[in-house]
Amino acid sequence: LLDGPPPSRPLALGLDVRNRDFGV
């Protein structure tokens, strides 16, 4: 996602233990 085209507005990414392949 971050290596793609730059976003036109700021990004907010929600991350928690329910994320697939989540790891600290």
PDBML (XML) file of the C-alpha atoms, coordinates in Angstrom:
<?xml version="1.0" encoding="UTF-8" ?>
<PDBx:datablock datablockName="MODEL"
   xmlns:PDBx="http://pdbml.pdb.org/schema/pdbx-v50.xsd"
   xmlns:xsi="http://www.w3.org/2001/XMLSchema-instance"
   xsi:schemaLocation="http://pdbml.pdb.org/schema/pdbx-v50.xsd pdbx-v50.xsd">
   <PDBx:atom_siteCategory>
      <PDBx:atom_site id="1">
         <PDBx:B_iso_or_equiv>0.00</PDBx:B_iso_or_equiv>
         <PDBx:Cartn_x>0.000</PDBx:Cartn_x>
         <PDBx:Cartn_y>0.000</PDBx:Cartn_y>
         <PDBx:Cartn_z>0.000</PDBx:Cartn_z>
         <PDBx:auth_asym_id>A</PDBx:auth_asym_id>
         <PDBx:auth_atom_id>CA</PDBx:auth_atom_id>
         <PDBx:auth_comp_id>LEU</PDBx:auth_comp_id>
         <PDBx:auth_seq_id>1</PDBx:auth_seq_id>
         <PDBx:group_PDB>ATOM</PDBx:group_PDB>
         <PDBx:label_alt_id xsi:nil="true" />
         <PDBx:label_asym_id>A</PDBx:label_asym_id>
         <PDBx:label_atom_id>CA</PDBx:label_atom_id>
         <PDBx:label_comp_id>LEU</PDBx:label_comp_id>
         <PDBx:label_entity_id>1</PDBx:label_entity_id>
         <PDBx:label_seq_id>1</PDBx:label_seq_id>
         <PDBx:occupancy>1.00</PDBx:occupancy>
         <PDBx:pdbx_PDB_model_num>1</PDBx:pdbx_PDB_model_num>
         <PDBx:type_symbol>C</PDBx:type_symbol>
      </PDBx:atom_site>
      <PDBx:atom_site id="2">
         <PDBx:B_iso_or_equiv>0.00</PDBx:B_iso_or_equiv>
         <PDBx:Cartn_x>2.721</PDBx:Cartn_x>
         <PDBx:Cartn_y>2.459</PDBx:Cartn_y>
         <PDBx:Cartn_z>0.965</PDBx:Cartn_z>
         <PDBx:auth_asym_id>A</PDBx:auth_asym_id>
         <PDBx:auth_atom_id>CA</PDBx:auth_atom_id>
         <PDBx:auth_comp_id>LEU</PDBx:auth_comp_id>
         <PDBx:auth_seq_id>2</PDBx:auth_seq_id>
         <PDBx:group_PDB>ATOM</PDBx:group_PDB>
         <PDBx:label_alt_id xsi:nil="true" />
         <PDBx:label_asym_id>A</PDBx:label_asym_id>
         <PDBx:label_atom_id>CA</PDBx:label_atom_id>
         <PDBx:label_comp_id>LEU</PDBx:label_comp_id>
         <PDBx:label_entity_id>1</PDBx:label_entity_id>
         <PDBx:label_seq_id>2</PDBx:label_seq_id>
         <PDBx:occupancy>1.00</PDBx:occupancy>
         <PDBx:pdbx_PDB_model_num>1</PDBx:pdbx_PDB_model_num>
         <PDBx:type_symbol>C</PDBx:type_symbol>
      </PDBx:atom_site>
      <PDBx:atom_site id="3">
         <PDBx:B_iso_or_equiv>0.00</PDBx:B_iso_or_equiv>
         <PDBx:Cartn_x>4.822</PDBx:Cartn_x>
         <PDBx:Cartn_y>1.755</PDBx:Cartn_y>
         <PDBx:Cartn_z>-2.142</PDBx:Cartn_z>
         <PDBx:auth_asym_id>A</PDBx:auth_asym_id>
         <PDBx:auth_atom_id>CA</PDBx:auth_atom_id>
         <PDBx:auth_comp_id>ASP</PDBx:auth_comp_id>
         <PDBx:auth_seq_id>3</PDBx:auth_seq_id>
         <PDBx:group_PDB>ATOM</PDBx:group_PDB>
         <PDBx:label_alt_id xsi:nil="true" />
         <PDBx:label_asym_id>A</PDBx:label_asym_id>
         <PDBx:label_atom_id>CA</PDBx:label_atom_id>
         <PDBx:label_comp_id>ASP</PDBx:label_comp_id>
         <PDBx:label_entity_id>1</PDBx:label_entity_id>
         <PDBx:label_seq_id>3</PDBx:label_seq_id>
         <PDBx:occupancy>1.00</PDBx:occupancy>
         <PDBx:pdbx_PDB_model_num>1</PDBx:pdbx_PDB_model_num>
         <PDBx:type_symbol>C</PDBx:type_symbol>
      </PDBx:atom_site>
      <PDBx:atom_site id="4">
         <PDBx:B_iso_or_equiv>0.00</PDBx:B_iso_or_equiv>
         <PDBx:Cartn_x>1.884</PDBx:Cartn_x>
         <PDBx:Cartn_y>2.589</PDBx:Cartn_y>
         <PDBx:Cartn_z>-4.389</PDBx:Cartn_z>
         <PDBx:auth_asym_id>A</PDBx:auth_asym_id>
         <PDBx:auth_atom_id>CA</PDBx:auth_atom_id>
         <PDBx:auth_comp_id>GLY</PDBx:auth_comp_id>
         <PDBx:auth_seq_id>4</PDBx:auth_seq_id>
         <PDBx:group_PDB>ATOM</PDBx:group_PDB>
         <PDBx:label_alt_id xsi:nil="true" />
         <PDBx:label_asym_id>A</PDBx:label_asym_id>
         <PDBx:label_atom_id>CA</PDBx:label_atom_id>
         <PDBx:label_comp_id>GLY</PDBx:label_comp_id>
         <PDBx:label_entity_id>1</PDBx:label_entity_id>
         <PDBx:label_seq_id>4</PDBx:label_seq_id>
         <PDBx:occupancy>1.00</PDBx:occupancy>
         <PDBx:pdbx_PDB_model_num>1</PDBx:pdbx_PDB_model_num>
         <PDBx:type_symbol>C</PDBx:type_symbol>
      </PDBx:atom_site>
      <PDBx:atom_site id="5">
         <PDBx:B_iso_or_equiv>0.00</PDBx:B_iso_or_equiv>
         <PDBx:Cartn_x>0.815</PDBx:Cartn_x>
         <PDBx:Cartn_y>6.022</PDBx:Cartn_y>
         <PDBx:Cartn_z>-5.651</PDBx:Cartn_z>
         <PDBx:auth_asym_id>A</PDBx:auth_asym_id>
         <PDBx:auth_atom_id>CA</PDBx:auth_atom_id>
         <PDBx:auth_comp_id>PRO</PDBx:auth_comp_id>
         <PDBx:auth_seq_id>5</PDBx:auth_seq_id>
         <PDBx:group_PDB>ATOM</PDBx:group_PDB>
         <PDBx:label_alt_id xsi:nil="true" />
         <PDBx:label_asym_id>A</PDBx:label_asym_id>
         <PDBx:label_atom_id>CA</PDBx:label_atom_id>
         <PDBx:label_comp_id>PRO</PDBx:label_comp_id>
         <PDBx:label_entity_id>1</PDBx:label_entity_id>
         <PDBx:label_seq_id>5</PDBx:label_seq_id>
         <PDBx:occupancy>1.00</PDBx:occupancy>
         <PDBx:pdbx_PDB_model_num>1</PDBx:pdbx_PDB_model_num>
         <PDBx:type_symbol>C</PDBx:type_symbol>
      </PDBx:atom_site>
      <PDBx:atom_site id="6">
         <PDBx:B_iso_or_equiv>0.00</PDBx:B_iso_or_equiv>
         <PDBx:Cartn_x>0.925</PDBx:Cartn_x>
         <PDBx:Cartn_y>8.682</PDBx:Cartn_y>
         <PDBx:Cartn_z>-2.930</PDBx:Cartn_z>
         <PDBx:auth_asym_id>A</PDBx:auth_asym_id>
         <PDBx:auth_atom_id>CA</PDBx:auth_atom_id>
         <PDBx:auth_comp_id>PRO</PDBx:auth_comp_id>
         <PDBx:auth_seq_id>6</PDBx:auth_seq_id>
         <PDBx:group_PDB>ATOM</PDBx:group_PDB>
         <PDBx:label_alt_id xsi:nil="true" />
         <PDBx:label_asym_id>A</PDBx:label_asym_id>
         <PDBx:label_atom_id>CA</PDBx:label_atom_id>
         <PDBx:label_comp_id>PRO</PDBx:label_comp_id>
         <PDBx:label_entity_id>1</PDBx:label_entity_id>
         <PDBx:label_seq_id>6</PDBx:label_seq_id>
         <PDBx:occupancy>1.00</PDBx:occupancy>
         <PDBx:pdbx_PDB_model_num>1</PDBx:pdbx_PDB_model_num>
         <PDBx:type_symbol>C</PDBx:type_symbol>
      </PDBx:atom_site>
      <PDBx:atom_site id="7">
         <PDBx:B_iso_or_equiv>0.00</PDBx:B_iso_or_equiv>
         <PDBx:Cartn_x>-2.499</PDBx:Cartn_x>
         <PDBx:Cartn_y>9.217</PDBx:Cartn_y>
         <PDBx:Cartn_z>-1.337</PDBx:Cartn_z>
         <PDBx:auth_asym_id>A</PDBx:auth_asym_id>
         <PDBx:auth_atom_id>CA</PDBx:auth_atom_id>
         <PDBx:auth_comp_id>PRO</PDBx:auth_comp_id>
         <PDBx:auth_seq_id>7</PDBx:auth_seq_id>
         <PDBx:group_PDB>ATOM</PDBx:group_PDB>
         <PDBx:label_alt_id xsi:nil="true" />
         <PDBx:label_asym_id>A</PDBx:label_asym_id>
         <PDBx:label_atom_id>CA</PDBx:label_atom_id>
         <PDBx:label_comp_id>PRO</PDBx:label_comp_id>
         <PDBx:label_entity_id>1</PDBx:label_entity_id>
         <PDBx:label_seq_id>7</PDBx:label_seq_id>
         <PDBx:occupancy>1.00</PDBx:occupancy>
         <PDBx:pdbx_PDB_model_num>1</PDBx:pdbx_PDB_model_num>
         <PDBx:type_symbol>C</PDBx:type_symbol>
      </PDBx:atom_site>
      <PDBx:atom_site id="8">
         <PDBx:B_iso_or_equiv>0.00</PDBx:B_iso_or_equiv>
         <PDBx:Cartn_x>-4.321</PDBx:Cartn_x>
         <PDBx:Cartn_y>12.464</PDBx:Cartn_y>
         <PDBx:Cartn_z>-1.980</PDBx:Cartn_z>
         <PDBx:auth_asym_id>A</PDBx:auth_asym_id>
         <PDBx:auth_atom_id>CA</PDBx:auth_atom_id>
         <PDBx:auth_comp_id>SER</PDBx:auth_comp_id>
         <PDBx:auth_seq_id>8</PDBx:auth_seq_id>
         <PDBx:group_PDB>ATOM</PDBx:group_PDB>
         <PDBx:label_alt_id xsi:nil="true" />
         <PDBx:label_asym_id>A</PDBx:label_asym_id>
         <PDBx:label_atom_id>CA</PDBx:label_atom_id>
         <PDBx:label_comp_id>SER</PDBx:label_comp_id>
         <PDBx:label_entity_id>1</PDBx:label_entity_id>
         <PDBx:label_seq_id>8</PDBx:label_seq_id>
         <PDBx:occupancy>1.00</PDBx:occupancy>
         <PDBx:pdbx_PDB_model_num>1</PDBx:pdbx_PDB_model_num>
         <PDBx:type_symbol>C</PDBx:type_symbol>
      </PDBx:atom_site>
      <PDBx:atom_site id="9">
         <PDBx:B_iso_or_equiv>0.00</PDBx:B_iso_or_equiv>
         <PDBx:Cartn_x>-5.079</PDBx:Cartn_x>
         <PDBx:Cartn_y>12.835</PDBx:Cartn_y>
         <PDBx:Cartn_z>1.724</PDBx:Cartn_z>
         <PDBx:auth_asym_id>A</PDBx:auth_asym_id>
         <PDBx:auth_atom_id>CA</PDBx:auth_atom_id>
         <PDBx:auth_comp_id>ARG</PDBx:auth_comp_id>
         <PDBx:auth_seq_id>9</PDBx:auth_seq_id>
         <PDBx:group_PDB>ATOM</PDBx:group_PDB>
         <PDBx:label_alt_id xsi:nil="true" />
         <PDBx:label_asym_id>A</PDBx:label_asym_id>
         <PDBx:label_atom_id>CA</PDBx:label_atom_id>
         <PDBx:label_comp_id>ARG</PDBx:label_comp_id>
         <PDBx:label_entity_id>1</PDBx:label_entity_id>
         <PDBx:label_seq_id>9</PDBx:label_seq_id>
         <PDBx:occupancy>1.00</PDBx:occupancy>
         <PDBx:pdbx_PDB_model_num>1</PDBx:pdbx_PDB_model_num>
         <PDBx:type_symbol>C</PDBx:type_symbol>
      </PDBx:atom_site>
      <PDBx:atom_site id="10">
         <PDBx:B_iso_or_equiv>0.00</PDBx:B_iso_or_equiv>
         <PDBx:Cartn_x>-3.641</PDBx:Cartn_x>
         <PDBx:Cartn_y>11.536</PDBx:Cartn_y>
         <PDBx:Cartn_z>5.020</PDBx:Cartn_z>
         <PDBx:auth_asym_id>A</PDBx:auth_asym_id>
         <PDBx:auth_atom_id>CA</PDBx:auth_atom_id>
         <PDBx:auth_comp_id>PRO</PDBx:auth_comp_id>
         <PDBx:auth_seq_id>10</PDBx:auth_seq_id>
         <PDBx:group_PDB>ATOM</PDBx:group_PDB>
         <PDBx:label_alt_id xsi:nil="true" />
         <PDBx:label_asym_id>A</PDBx:label_asym_id>
         <PDBx:label_atom_id>CA</PDBx:label_atom_id>
         <PDBx:label_comp_id>PRO</PDBx:label_comp_id>
         <PDBx:label_entity_id>1</PDBx:label_entity_id>
         <PDBx:label_seq_id>10</PDBx:label_seq_id>
         <PDBx:occupancy>1.00</PDBx:occupancy>
         <PDBx:pdbx_PDB_model_num>1</PDBx:pdbx_PDB_model_num>
         <PDBx:type_symbol>C</PDBx:type_symbol>
      </PDBx:atom_site>
      <PDBx:atom_site id="11">
         <PDBx:B_iso_or_equiv>0.00</PDBx:B_iso_or_equiv>
         <PDBx:Cartn_x>-4.051</PDBx:Cartn_x>
         <PDBx:Cartn_y>7.855</PDBx:Cartn_y>
         <PDBx:Cartn_z>5.843</PDBx:Cartn_z>
         <PDBx:auth_asym_id>A</PDBx:auth_asym_id>
         <PDBx:auth_atom_id>CA</PDBx:auth_atom_id>
         <PDBx:auth_comp_id>LEU</PDBx:auth_comp_id>
         <PDBx:auth_seq_id>11</PDBx:auth_seq_id>
         <PDBx:group_PDB>ATOM</PDBx:group_PDB>
         <PDBx:label_alt_id xsi:nil="true" />
         <PDBx:label_asym_id>A</PDBx:label_asym_id>
         <PDBx:label_atom_id>CA</PDBx:label_atom_id>
         <PDBx:label_comp_id>LEU</PDBx:label_comp_id>
         <PDBx:label_entity_id>1</PDBx:label_entity_id>
         <PDBx:label_seq_id>11</PDBx:label_seq_id>
         <PDBx:occupancy>1.00</PDBx:occupancy>
         <PDBx:pdbx_PDB_model_num>1</PDBx:pdbx_PDB_model_num>
         <PDBx:type_symbol>C</PDBx:type_symbol>
      </PDBx:atom_site>
      <PDBx:atom_site id="12">
         <PDBx:B_iso_or_equiv>0.00</PDBx:B_iso_or_equiv>
         <PDBx:Cartn_x>-5.364</PDBx:Cartn_x>
         <PDBx:Cartn_y>6.345</PDBx:Cartn_y>
         <PDBx:Cartn_z>9.075</PDBx:Cartn_z>
         <PDBx:auth_asym_id>A</PDBx:auth_asym_id>
         <PDBx:auth_atom_id>CA</PDBx:auth_atom_id>
         <PDBx:auth_comp_id>ALA</PDBx:auth_comp_id>
         <PDBx:auth_seq_id>12</PDBx:auth_seq_id>
         <PDBx:group_PDB>ATOM</PDBx:group_PDB>
         <PDBx:label_alt_id xsi:nil="true" />
         <PDBx:label_asym_id>A</PDBx:label_asym_id>
         <PDBx:label_atom_id>CA</PDBx:label_atom_id>
         <PDBx:label_comp_id>ALA</PDBx:label_comp_id>
         <PDBx:label_entity_id>1</PDBx:label_entity_id>
         <PDBx:label_seq_id>12</PDBx:label_seq_id>
         <PDBx:occupancy>1.00</PDBx:occupancy>
         <PDBx:pdbx_PDB_model_num>1</PDBx:pdbx_PDB_model_num>
         <PDBx:type_symbol>C</PDBx:type_symbol>
      </PDBx:atom_site>
      <PDBx:atom_site id="13">
         <PDBx:B_iso_or_equiv>0.00</PDBx:B_iso_or_equiv>
         <PDBx:Cartn_x>-4.693</PDBx:Cartn_x>
         <PDBx:Cartn_y>2.625</PDBx:Cartn_y>
         <PDBx:Cartn_z>9.451</PDBx:Cartn_z>
         <PDBx:auth_asym_id>A</PDBx:auth_asym_id>
         <PDBx:auth_atom_id>CA</PDBx:auth_atom_id>
         <PDBx:auth_comp_id>LEU</PDBx:auth_comp_id>
         <PDBx:auth_seq_id>13</PDBx:auth_seq_id>
         <PDBx:group_PDB>ATOM</PDBx:group_PDB>
         <PDBx:label_alt_id xsi:nil="true" />
         <PDBx:label_asym_id>A</PDBx:label_asym_id>
         <PDBx:label_atom_id>CA</PDBx:label_atom_id>
         <PDBx:label_comp_id>LEU</PDBx:label_comp_id>
         <PDBx:label_entity_id>1</PDBx:label_entity_id>
         <PDBx:label_seq_id>13</PDBx:label_seq_id>
         <PDBx:occupancy>1.00</PDBx:occupancy>
         <PDBx:pdbx_PDB_model_num>1</PDBx:pdbx_PDB_model_num>
         <PDBx:type_symbol>C</PDBx:type_symbol>
      </PDBx:atom_site>
      <PDBx:atom_site id="14">
         <PDBx:B_iso_or_equiv>0.00</PDBx:B_iso_or_equiv>
         <PDBx:Cartn_x>-6.439</PDBx:Cartn_x>
         <PDBx:Cartn_y>0.607</PDBx:Cartn_y>
         <PDBx:Cartn_z>12.159</PDBx:Cartn_z>
         <PDBx:auth_asym_id>A</PDBx:auth_asym_id>
         <PDBx:auth_atom_id>CA</PDBx:auth_atom_id>
         <PDBx:auth_comp_id>GLY</PDBx:auth_comp_id>
         <PDBx:auth_seq_id>14</PDBx:auth_seq_id>
         <PDBx:group_PDB>ATOM</PDBx:group_PDB>
         <PDBx:label_alt_id xsi:nil="true" />
         <PDBx:label_asym_id>A</PDBx:label_asym_id>
         <PDBx:label_atom_id>CA</PDBx:label_atom_id>
         <PDBx:label_comp_id>GLY</PDBx:label_comp_id>
         <PDBx:label_entity_id>1</PDBx:label_entity_id>
         <PDBx:label_seq_id>14</PDBx:label_seq_id>
         <PDBx:occupancy>1.00</PDBx:occupancy>
         <PDBx:pdbx_PDB_model_num>1</PDBx:pdbx_PDB_model_num>
         <PDBx:type_symbol>C</PDBx:type_symbol>
      </PDBx:atom_site>
      <PDBx:atom_site id="15">
         <PDBx:B_iso_or_equiv>0.00</PDBx:B_iso_or_equiv>
         <PDBx:Cartn_x>-4.284</PDBx:Cartn_x>
         <PDBx:Cartn_y>-2.198</PDBx:Cartn_y>
         <PDBx:Cartn_z>13.548</PDBx:Cartn_z>
         <PDBx:auth_asym_id>A</PDBx:auth_asym_id>
         <PDBx:auth_atom_id>CA</PDBx:auth_atom_id>
         <PDBx:auth_comp_id>LEU</PDBx:auth_comp_id>
         <PDBx:auth_seq_id>15</PDBx:auth_seq_id>
         <PDBx:group_PDB>ATOM</PDBx:group_PDB>
         <PDBx:label_alt_id xsi:nil="true" />
         <PDBx:label_asym_id>A</PDBx:label_asym_id>
         <PDBx:label_atom_id>CA</PDBx:label_atom_id>
         <PDBx:label_comp_id>LEU</PDBx:label_comp_id>
         <PDBx:label_entity_id>1</PDBx:label_entity_id>
         <PDBx:label_seq_id>15</PDBx:label_seq_id>
         <PDBx:occupancy>1.00</PDBx:occupancy>
         <PDBx:pdbx_PDB_model_num>1</PDBx:pdbx_PDB_model_num>
         <PDBx:type_symbol>C</PDBx:type_symbol>
      </PDBx:atom_site>
      <PDBx:atom_site id="16">
         <PDBx:B_iso_or_equiv>0.00</PDBx:B_iso_or_equiv>
         <PDBx:Cartn_x>-5.036</PDBx:Cartn_x>
         <PDBx:Cartn_y>-4.590</PDBx:Cartn_y>
         <PDBx:Cartn_z>16.407</PDBx:Cartn_z>
         <PDBx:auth_asym_id>A</PDBx:auth_asym_id>
         <PDBx:auth_atom_id>CA</PDBx:auth_atom_id>
         <PDBx:auth_comp_id>ASP</PDBx:auth_comp_id>
         <PDBx:auth_seq_id>16</PDBx:auth_seq_id>
         <PDBx:group_PDB>ATOM</PDBx:group_PDB>
         <PDBx:label_alt_id xsi:nil="true" />
         <PDBx:label_asym_id>A</PDBx:label_asym_id>
         <PDBx:label_atom_id>CA</PDBx:label_atom_id>
         <PDBx:label_comp_id>ASP</PDBx:label_comp_id>
         <PDBx:label_entity_id>1</PDBx:label_entity_id>
         <PDBx:label_seq_id>16</PDBx:label_seq_id>
         <PDBx:occupancy>1.00</PDBx:occupancy>
         <PDBx:pdbx_PDB_model_num>1</PDBx:pdbx_PDB_model_num>
         <PDBx:type_symbol>C</PDBx:type_symbol>
      </PDBx:atom_site>
      <PDBx:atom_site id="17">
         <PDBx:B_iso_or_equiv>0.00</PDBx:B_iso_or_equiv>
         <PDBx:Cartn_x>-4.742</PDBx:Cartn_x>
         <PDBx:Cartn_y>-8.221</PDBx:Cartn_y>
         <PDBx:Cartn_z>17.432</PDBx:Cartn_z>
         <PDBx:auth_asym_id>A</PDBx:auth_asym_id>
         <PDBx:auth_atom_id>CA</PDBx:auth_atom_id>
         <PDBx:auth_comp_id>VAL</PDBx:auth_comp_id>
         <PDBx:auth_seq_id>17</PDBx:auth_seq_id>
         <PDBx:group_PDB>ATOM</PDBx:group_PDB>
         <PDBx:label_alt_id xsi:nil="true" />
         <PDBx:label_asym_id>A</PDBx:label_asym_id>
         <PDBx:label_atom_id>CA</PDBx:label_atom_id>
         <PDBx:label_comp_id>VAL</PDBx:label_comp_id>
         <PDBx:label_entity_id>1</PDBx:label_entity_id>
         <PDBx:label_seq_id>17</PDBx:label_seq_id>
         <PDBx:occupancy>1.00</PDBx:occupancy>
         <PDBx:pdbx_PDB_model_num>1</PDBx:pdbx_PDB_model_num>
         <PDBx:type_symbol>C</PDBx:type_symbol>
      </PDBx:atom_site>
      <PDBx:atom_site id="18">
         <PDBx:B_iso_or_equiv>0.00</PDBx:B_iso_or_equiv>
         <PDBx:Cartn_x>-7.654</PDBx:Cartn_x>
         <PDBx:Cartn_y>-9.167</PDBx:Cartn_y>
         <PDBx:Cartn_z>15.167</PDBx:Cartn_z>
         <PDBx:auth_asym_id>A</PDBx:auth_asym_id>
         <PDBx:auth_atom_id>CA</PDBx:auth_atom_id>
         <PDBx:auth_comp_id>ARG</PDBx:auth_comp_id>
         <PDBx:auth_seq_id>18</PDBx:auth_seq_id>
         <PDBx:group_PDB>ATOM</PDBx:group_PDB>
         <PDBx:label_alt_id xsi:nil="true" />
         <PDBx:label_asym_id>A</PDBx:label_asym_id>
         <PDBx:label_atom_id>CA</PDBx:label_atom_id>
         <PDBx:label_comp_id>ARG</PDBx:label_comp_id>
         <PDBx:label_entity_id>1</PDBx:label_entity_id>
         <PDBx:label_seq_id>18</PDBx:label_seq_id>
         <PDBx:occupancy>1.00</PDBx:occupancy>
         <PDBx:pdbx_PDB_model_num>1</PDBx:pdbx_PDB_model_num>
         <PDBx:type_symbol>C</PDBx:type_symbol>
      </PDBx:atom_site>
      <PDBx:atom_site id="19">
         <PDBx:B_iso_or_equiv>0.00</PDBx:B_iso_or_equiv>
         <PDBx:Cartn_x>-5.619</PDBx:Cartn_x>
         <PDBx:Cartn_y>-8.253</PDBx:Cartn_y>
         <PDBx:Cartn_z>12.102</PDBx:Cartn_z>
         <PDBx:auth_asym_id>A</PDBx:auth_asym_id>
         <PDBx:auth_atom_id>CA</PDBx:auth_atom_id>
         <PDBx:auth_comp_id>ASN</PDBx:auth_comp_id>
         <PDBx:auth_seq_id>19</PDBx:auth_seq_id>
         <PDBx:group_PDB>ATOM</PDBx:group_PDB>
         <PDBx:label_alt_id xsi:nil="true" />
         <PDBx:label_asym_id>A</PDBx:label_asym_id>
         <PDBx:label_atom_id>CA</PDBx:label_atom_id>
         <PDBx:label_comp_id>ASN</PDBx:label_comp_id>
         <PDBx:label_entity_id>1</PDBx:label_entity_id>
         <PDBx:label_seq_id>19</PDBx:label_seq_id>
         <PDBx:occupancy>1.00</PDBx:occupancy>
         <PDBx:pdbx_PDB_model_num>1</PDBx:pdbx_PDB_model_num>
         <PDBx:type_symbol>C</PDBx:type_symbol>
      </PDBx:atom_site>
      <PDBx:atom_site id="20">
         <PDBx:B_iso_or_equiv>0.00</PDBx:B_iso_or_equiv>
         <PDBx:Cartn_x>-4.564</PDBx:Cartn_x>
         <PDBx:Cartn_y>-11.254</PDBx:Cartn_y>
         <PDBx:Cartn_z>10.060</PDBx:Cartn_z>
         <PDBx:auth_asym_id>A</PDBx:auth_asym_id>
         <PDBx:auth_atom_id>CA</PDBx:auth_atom_id>
         <PDBx:auth_comp_id>ARG</PDBx:auth_comp_id>
         <PDBx:auth_seq_id>20</PDBx:auth_seq_id>
         <PDBx:group_PDB>ATOM</PDBx:group_PDB>
         <PDBx:label_alt_id xsi:nil="true" />
         <PDBx:label_asym_id>A</PDBx:label_asym_id>
         <PDBx:label_atom_id>CA</PDBx:label_atom_id>
         <PDBx:label_comp_id>ARG</PDBx:label_comp_id>
         <PDBx:label_entity_id>1</PDBx:label_entity_id>
         <PDBx:label_seq_id>20</PDBx:label_seq_id>
         <PDBx:occupancy>1.00</PDBx:occupancy>
         <PDBx:pdbx_PDB_model_num>1</PDBx:pdbx_PDB_model_num>
         <PDBx:type_symbol>C</PDBx:type_symbol>
      </PDBx:atom_site>
      <PDBx:atom_site id="21">
         <PDBx:B_iso_or_equiv>0.00</PDBx:B_iso_or_equiv>
         <PDBx:Cartn_x>-0.824</PDBx:Cartn_x>
         <PDBx:Cartn_y>-11.920</PDBx:Cartn_y>
         <PDBx:Cartn_z>10.591</PDBx:Cartn_z>
         <PDBx:auth_asym_id>A</PDBx:auth_asym_id>
         <PDBx:auth_atom_id>CA</PDBx:auth_atom_id>
         <PDBx:auth_comp_id>ASP</PDBx:auth_comp_id>
         <PDBx:auth_seq_id>21</PDBx:auth_seq_id>
         <PDBx:group_PDB>ATOM</PDBx:group_PDB>
         <PDBx:label_alt_id xsi:nil="true" />
         <PDBx:label_asym_id>A</PDBx:label_asym_id>
         <PDBx:label_atom_id>CA</PDBx:label_atom_id>
         <PDBx:label_comp_id>ASP</PDBx:label_comp_id>
         <PDBx:label_entity_id>1</PDBx:label_entity_id>
         <PDBx:label_seq_id>21</PDBx:label_seq_id>
         <PDBx:occupancy>1.00</PDBx:occupancy>
         <PDBx:pdbx_PDB_model_num>1</PDBx:pdbx_PDB_model_num>
         <PDBx:type_symbol>C</PDBx:type_symbol>
      </PDBx:atom_site>
      <PDBx:atom_site id="22">
         <PDBx:B_iso_or_equiv>0.00</PDBx:B_iso_or_equiv>
         <PDBx:Cartn_x>-0.651</PDBx:Cartn_x>
         <PDBx:Cartn_y>-9.317</PDBx:Cartn_y>
         <PDBx:Cartn_z>13.373</PDBx:Cartn_z>
         <PDBx:auth_asym_id>A</PDBx:auth_asym_id>
         <PDBx:auth_atom_id>CA</PDBx:auth_atom_id>
         <PDBx:auth_comp_id>PHE</PDBx:auth_comp_id>
         <PDBx:auth_seq_id>22</PDBx:auth_seq_id>
         <PDBx:group_PDB>ATOM</PDBx:group_PDB>
         <PDBx:label_alt_id xsi:nil="true" />
         <PDBx:label_asym_id>A</PDBx:label_asym_id>
         <PDBx:label_atom_id>CA</PDBx:label_atom_id>
         <PDBx:label_comp_id>PHE</PDBx:label_comp_id>
         <PDBx:label_entity_id>1</PDBx:label_entity_id>
         <PDBx:label_seq_id>22</PDBx:label_seq_id>
         <PDBx:occupancy>1.00</PDBx:occupancy>
         <PDBx:pdbx_PDB_model_num>1</PDBx:pdbx_PDB_model_num>
         <PDBx:type_symbol>C</PDBx:type_symbol>
      </PDBx:atom_site>
      <PDBx:atom_site id="23">
         <PDBx:B_iso_or_equiv>0.00</PDBx:B_iso_or_equiv>
         <PDBx:Cartn_x>2.616</PDBx:Cartn_x>
         <PDBx:Cartn_y>-9.376</PDBx:Cartn_y>
         <PDBx:Cartn_z>15.282</PDBx:Cartn_z>
         <PDBx:auth_asym_id>A</PDBx:auth_asym_id>
         <PDBx:auth_atom_id>CA</PDBx:auth_atom_id>
         <PDBx:auth_comp_id>GLY</PDBx:auth_comp_id>
         <PDBx:auth_seq_id>23</PDBx:auth_seq_id>
         <PDBx:group_PDB>ATOM</PDBx:group_PDB>
         <PDBx:label_alt_id xsi:nil="true" />
         <PDBx:label_asym_id>A</PDBx:label_asym_id>
         <PDBx:label_atom_id>CA</PDBx:label_atom_id>
         <PDBx:label_comp_id>GLY</PDBx:label_comp_id>
         <PDBx:label_entity_id>1</PDBx:label_entity_id>
         <PDBx:label_seq_id>23</PDBx:label_seq_id>
         <PDBx:occupancy>1.00</PDBx:occupancy>
         <PDBx:pdbx_PDB_model_num>1</PDBx:pdbx_PDB_model_num>
         <PDBx:type_symbol>C</PDBx:type_symbol>
      </PDBx:atom_site>
      <PDBx:atom_site id="24">
         <PDBx:B_iso_or_equiv>0.00</PDBx:B_iso_or_equiv>
         <PDBx:Cartn_x>4.236</PDBx:Cartn_x>
         <PDBx:Cartn_y>-6.855</PDBx:Cartn_y>
         <PDBx:Cartn_z>17.627</PDBx:Cartn_z>
         <PDBx:auth_asym_id>A</PDBx:auth_asym_id>
         <PDBx:auth_atom_id>CA</PDBx:auth_atom_id>
         <PDBx:auth_comp_id>VAL</PDBx:auth_comp_id>
         <PDBx:auth_seq_id>24</PDBx:auth_seq_id>
         <PDBx:group_PDB>ATOM</PDBx:group_PDB>
         <PDBx:label_alt_id xsi:nil="true" />
         <PDBx:label_asym_id>A</PDBx:label_asym_id>
         <PDBx:label_atom_id>CA</PDBx:label_atom_id>
         <PDBx:label_comp_id>VAL</PDBx:label_comp_id>
         <PDBx:label_entity_id>1</PDBx:label_entity_id>
         <PDBx:label_seq_id>24</PDBx:label_seq_id>
         <PDBx:occupancy>1.00</PDBx:occupancy>
         <PDBx:pdbx_PDB_model_num>1</PDBx:pdbx_PDB_model_num>
         <PDBx:type_symbol>C</PDBx:type_symbol>
      </PDBx:atom_site>
   </PDBx:atom_siteCategory>
</PDBx:datablock>
